[in-house]
Amino acid sequence: IKINGVSIRKFYRKDYYRLFSPVFQDVKTAFFSLAETVSGQIGEGTDFELALKCIRQAGLGDKIDSLPNGIHTKLDKQLHADGIELSGGEVQKLMLARALYKNAPILVLDEPTAALDPIAENNIYMQYRKMTEDKSSLFISHRLASTQFCDRILYLKDGKISEEGTHQELVAIGGEYRELYEMQSCWYRDDYNGKGEKS
């Protein structure tokens, strides 16, 4: 693996890790507060103002406002009597907040919206675009809600790049990407009635 032609073996590992803010599909949270989970720091090591800003940017503002202890609310009810459990979609948003807090130049999103319904997924990808305009972003997904605003799309099949281009270019080609996109597109409409038809 190379970065700008330089092997990653020549990077100090900590310096290399600082380049990336990942958001994975499957994540586990511990027993820290929401703010500490976002910052990756305990107690005063957290910039609470920045953590709150990132949490709101990630779409958890209403959740935070509903909690008596706000961003200081602890996760894990088993260890904290006043702790909370987040839904899968809320955890993914919290992980996005963590990536924004880290503010690395490269954002890697590996199926980060798998726990969201298709319309909510499309909406949050639109938020990703606004929040990461000054970064390089790599989206990995089987669902194509994210593809329309991507500068470059690689459609993979059998471990190889099968098609490549912008969303418009790949639709115009009329290949497998277009076929898959059209199969999924009905899920991204607000007027979808569950039968592949407009209501």
Protein backbone atom coordinates (compact mmCIF):
# COMPACT_ATOMS: atom_id res chain seq x y z
CA ILE A 1 0.00 0.00 0.00
CA LYS A 2 1.36 3.39 -0.99
CA ILE A 3 0.39 6.98 -0.20
CA ASN A 4 1.44 9.41 -2.93
CA GLY A 5 3.84 6.76 -4.16
CA VAL A 6 5.46 6.21 -0.75
CA SER A 7 5.16 2.81 0.94
CA ILE A 8 3.29 2.93 4.24
CA ARG A 9 6.23 1.01 5.74
CA LYS A 10 8.18 4.27 5.62
CA PHE A 11 5.62 6.09 7.76
CA TYR A 12 5.69 6.14 11.52
CA ARG A 13 2.56 4.22 12.48
CA LYS A 14 1.11 6.98 14.68
CA ASP A 15 1.68 9.55 11.93
CA TYR A 16 0.03 7.20 9.44
CA TYR A 17 -2.99 6.67 11.69
CA ARG A 18 -3.44 10.43 12.06
CA LEU A 19 -4.22 10.64 8.34
CA PHE A 20 -7.45 8.63 8.62
CA SER A 21 -10.84 9.02 10.27
CA PRO A 22 -12.72 5.74 9.78
CA VAL A 23 -16.43 5.08 10.30
CA PHE A 24 -17.13 1.36 10.24
CA GLN A 25 -20.35 -0.60 9.84
CA ASP A 26 -19.94 -2.65 13.00
CA VAL A 27 -18.80 -0.75 16.07
CA LYS A 28 -18.96 -1.28 19.81
CA THR A 29 -19.25 1.48 22.38
CA ALA A 30 -17.82 1.27 25.90
CA PHE A 31 -18.96 2.82 29.18
CA PHE A 32 -17.62 6.33 28.62
CA SER A 33 -19.66 9.50 28.17
CA LEU A 34 -20.92 10.55 24.77
CA ALA A 35 -18.33 13.34 24.64
CA GLU A 36 -15.48 11.03 25.67
CA THR A 37 -16.55 8.48 23.08
CA VAL A 38 -16.37 11.18 20.42
CA SER A 39 -12.99 12.55 21.54
CA GLY A 40 -11.32 9.25 22.41
CA GLN A 41 -10.06 11.02 25.55
CA ILE A 42 -11.08 10.70 29.19
CA GLY A 43 -12.15 13.67 31.30
CA GLU A 44 -10.39 16.98 30.72
CA GLY A 45 -8.61 15.64 27.66
CA THR A 46 -11.86 16.21 25.77
CA ASP A 47 -12.70 19.50 24.06
CA PHE A 48 -16.36 19.46 25.11
CA GLU A 49 -17.34 22.40 22.93
CA LEU A 50 -15.89 20.72 19.84
CA ALA A 51 -17.43 17.36 20.82
CA LEU A 52 -20.89 18.95 21.08
CA LYS A 53 -20.44 20.69 17.72
CA CYS A 54 -19.46 17.41 16.03
CA ILE A 55 -22.33 15.51 17.66
CA ARG A 56 -24.81 18.08 16.36
CA GLN A 57 -23.23 18.01 12.90
CA ALA A 58 -23.63 14.25 12.85
CA GLY A 59 -27.38 14.55 13.44
CA LEU A 60 -27.64 13.76 17.16
CA GLY A 61 -28.60 17.24 18.34
CA ASP A 62 -32.17 16.33 19.29
CA LYS A 63 -30.93 13.27 21.18
CA ILE A 64 -28.43 15.31 23.18
CA ASP A 65 -31.04 17.96 23.98
CA SER A 66 -33.37 15.29 25.36
CA LEU A 67 -30.80 14.01 27.88
CA PRO A 68 -30.54 15.61 31.34
CA ASN A 69 -26.75 15.28 31.33
CA GLY A 70 -26.34 16.09 27.63
CA ILE A 71 -22.96 15.12 26.21
CA HIS A 72 -21.83 13.98 29.67
CA THR A 73 -24.38 11.14 29.61
CA LYS A 74 -22.70 7.78 30.07
CA LEU A 75 -23.20 4.83 27.78
CA ASP A 76 -24.01 1.33 29.04
CA LYS A 77 -26.94 0.95 31.44
CA GLN A 78 -25.35 -2.07 33.07
CA LEU A 79 -22.57 0.03 34.59
CA HIS A 80 -24.38 3.35 35.00
CA ALA A 81 -27.84 3.64 36.54
CA ASP A 82 -28.49 6.79 34.51
CA GLY A 83 -26.69 5.49 31.41
CA ILE A 84 -28.30 5.07 28.00
CA GLU A 85 -28.29 2.59 25.16
CA LEU A 86 -28.17 3.99 21.63
CA SER A 87 -29.89 2.49 18.61
CA GLY A 88 -27.77 1.18 15.75
CA GLY A 89 -28.38 4.31 13.70
CA GLU A 90 -27.51 6.56 16.65
CA VAL A 91 -24.25 4.67 17.25
CA GLN A 92 -23.28 5.17 13.61
CA LYS A 93 -23.98 8.89 13.90
CA LEU A 94 -21.86 8.99 17.06
CA MET A 95 -19.03 7.34 15.13
CA LEU A 96 -19.38 9.98 12.43
CA ALA A 97 -19.10 12.62 15.16
CA ARG A 98 -15.90 10.91 16.33
CA ALA A 99 -14.48 11.03 12.80
CA LEU A 100 -15.35 14.72 12.52
CA TYR A 101 -13.75 15.42 15.90
CA LYS A 102 -10.50 13.76 14.81
CA ASN A 103 -10.52 15.98 11.71
CA ALA A 104 -8.11 13.81 9.71
CA PRO A 105 -7.60 14.68 6.03
CA ILE A 106 -8.94 11.31 4.81
CA LEU A 107 -12.37 10.02 5.82
CA VAL A 108 -13.12 6.32 5.26
CA LEU A 109 -16.78 5.30 5.52
CA ASP A 110 -17.28 1.54 5.38
CA GLU A 111 -21.03 0.84 5.17
CA PRO A 112 -21.62 3.50 7.87
CA THR A 113 -25.36 3.74 7.30
CA ALA A 114 -26.23 0.03 7.33
CA ALA A 115 -28.51 0.48 10.36
CA LEU A 116 -30.51 3.29 8.72
CA ASP A 117 -33.50 3.04 6.41
CA PRO A 118 -32.78 4.03 2.76
CA ILE A 119 -34.29 7.54 2.95
CA ALA A 120 -32.47 8.35 6.21
CA GLU A 121 -29.33 6.90 4.62
CA ASN A 122 -29.64 9.21 1.62
CA ASN A 123 -30.18 12.22 3.90
CA ILE A 124 -27.11 11.49 6.02
CA TYR A 125 -24.94 11.03 2.93
CA MET A 126 -25.97 14.53 1.89
CA GLN A 127 -24.78 15.70 5.31
CA TYR A 128 -21.48 13.83 4.81
CA ARG A 129 -20.92 15.75 1.61
CA LYS A 130 -21.33 19.12 3.31
CA MET A 131 -19.22 18.15 6.31
CA THR A 132 -16.30 16.74 4.33
CA GLU A 133 -15.92 19.15 1.44
CA ASP A 134 -12.29 19.93 2.38
CA LYS A 135 -11.31 16.27 2.84
CA SER A 136 -10.71 13.20 0.75
CA SER A 137 -13.53 10.74 1.38
CA LEU A 138 -13.78 7.07 0.54
CA PHE A 139 -17.29 5.59 0.66
CA ILE A 140 -17.68 1.80 0.64
CA SER A 141 -21.25 0.61 0.16
CA HIS A 142 -23.51 -1.97 -1.42
CA ARG A 143 -26.33 0.55 -1.43
CA LEU A 144 -26.02 3.38 -3.90
CA ALA A 145 -27.57 6.31 -2.03
CA SER A 146 -24.11 7.85 -1.74
CA THR A 147 -22.98 7.61 -5.32
CA GLN A 148 -24.54 10.59 -7.04
CA PHE A 149 -22.28 13.19 -5.40
CA CYS A 150 -19.06 11.15 -5.57
CA ASP A 151 -16.35 12.50 -7.87
CA ARG A 152 -15.26 9.01 -8.89
CA ILE A 153 -17.04 5.67 -8.55
CA LEU A 154 -15.36 2.27 -8.76
CA TYR A 155 -17.84 -0.56 -9.32
CA LEU A 156 -16.18 -3.77 -8.14
CA LYS A 157 -16.99 -7.28 -9.30
CA ASP A 158 -15.08 -10.46 -8.51
CA GLY A 159 -12.32 -8.43 -6.85
CA LYS A 160 -11.71 -6.23 -9.88
CA ILE A 161 -12.81 -2.81 -11.10
CA SER A 162 -15.65 -3.58 -13.50
CA GLU A 163 -16.84 -0.02 -14.21
CA GLU A 164 -15.44 3.41 -13.39
CA GLY A 165 -16.68 6.98 -13.72
CA THR A 166 -19.08 9.52 -12.27
CA HIS A 167 -22.67 8.60 -11.49
CA GLN A 168 -23.86 10.24 -14.71
CA GLU A 169 -21.21 8.50 -16.80
CA LEU A 170 -21.98 5.06 -15.37
CA VAL A 171 -25.72 5.50 -15.84
CA ALA A 172 -25.10 6.53 -19.45
CA ILE A 173 -22.96 3.42 -20.06
CA GLY A 174 -25.96 1.26 -19.21
CA GLY A 175 -23.97 -1.48 -17.48
CA GLU A 176 -24.38 -3.31 -14.18
CA TYR A 177 -24.00 -0.14 -12.12
CA ARG A 178 -26.99 1.42 -13.83
CA GLU A 179 -29.01 -1.76 -13.44
CA LEU A 180 -28.29 -1.93 -9.71
CA TYR A 181 -28.93 1.78 -9.22
CA GLU A 182 -32.31 1.58 -10.94
CA MET A 183 -33.26 -1.45 -8.84
CA GLN A 184 -32.45 0.48 -5.66
CA SER A 185 -33.60 3.96 -6.64
CA CYS A 186 -37.24 3.43 -5.69
CA TRP A 187 -36.13 3.07 -2.06
CA TYR A 188 -34.75 6.61 -2.04
CA ARG A 189 -38.05 8.31 -2.90
CA ASP A 190 -40.23 9.78 -0.17
CA ASP A 191 -43.33 8.70 -2.10
CA TYR A 192 -42.32 5.04 -2.28
CA ASN A 193 -45.24 2.80 -1.20
CA GLY A 194 -43.30 -0.41 -0.60
CA LYS A 195 -44.36 -2.02 -3.91
CA GLY A 196 -41.91 -0.35 -6.26
CA GLU A 197 -44.57 2.21 -7.16
CA LYS A 198 -45.34 5.79 -6.32
CA SER A 199 -48.13 6.24 -3.80
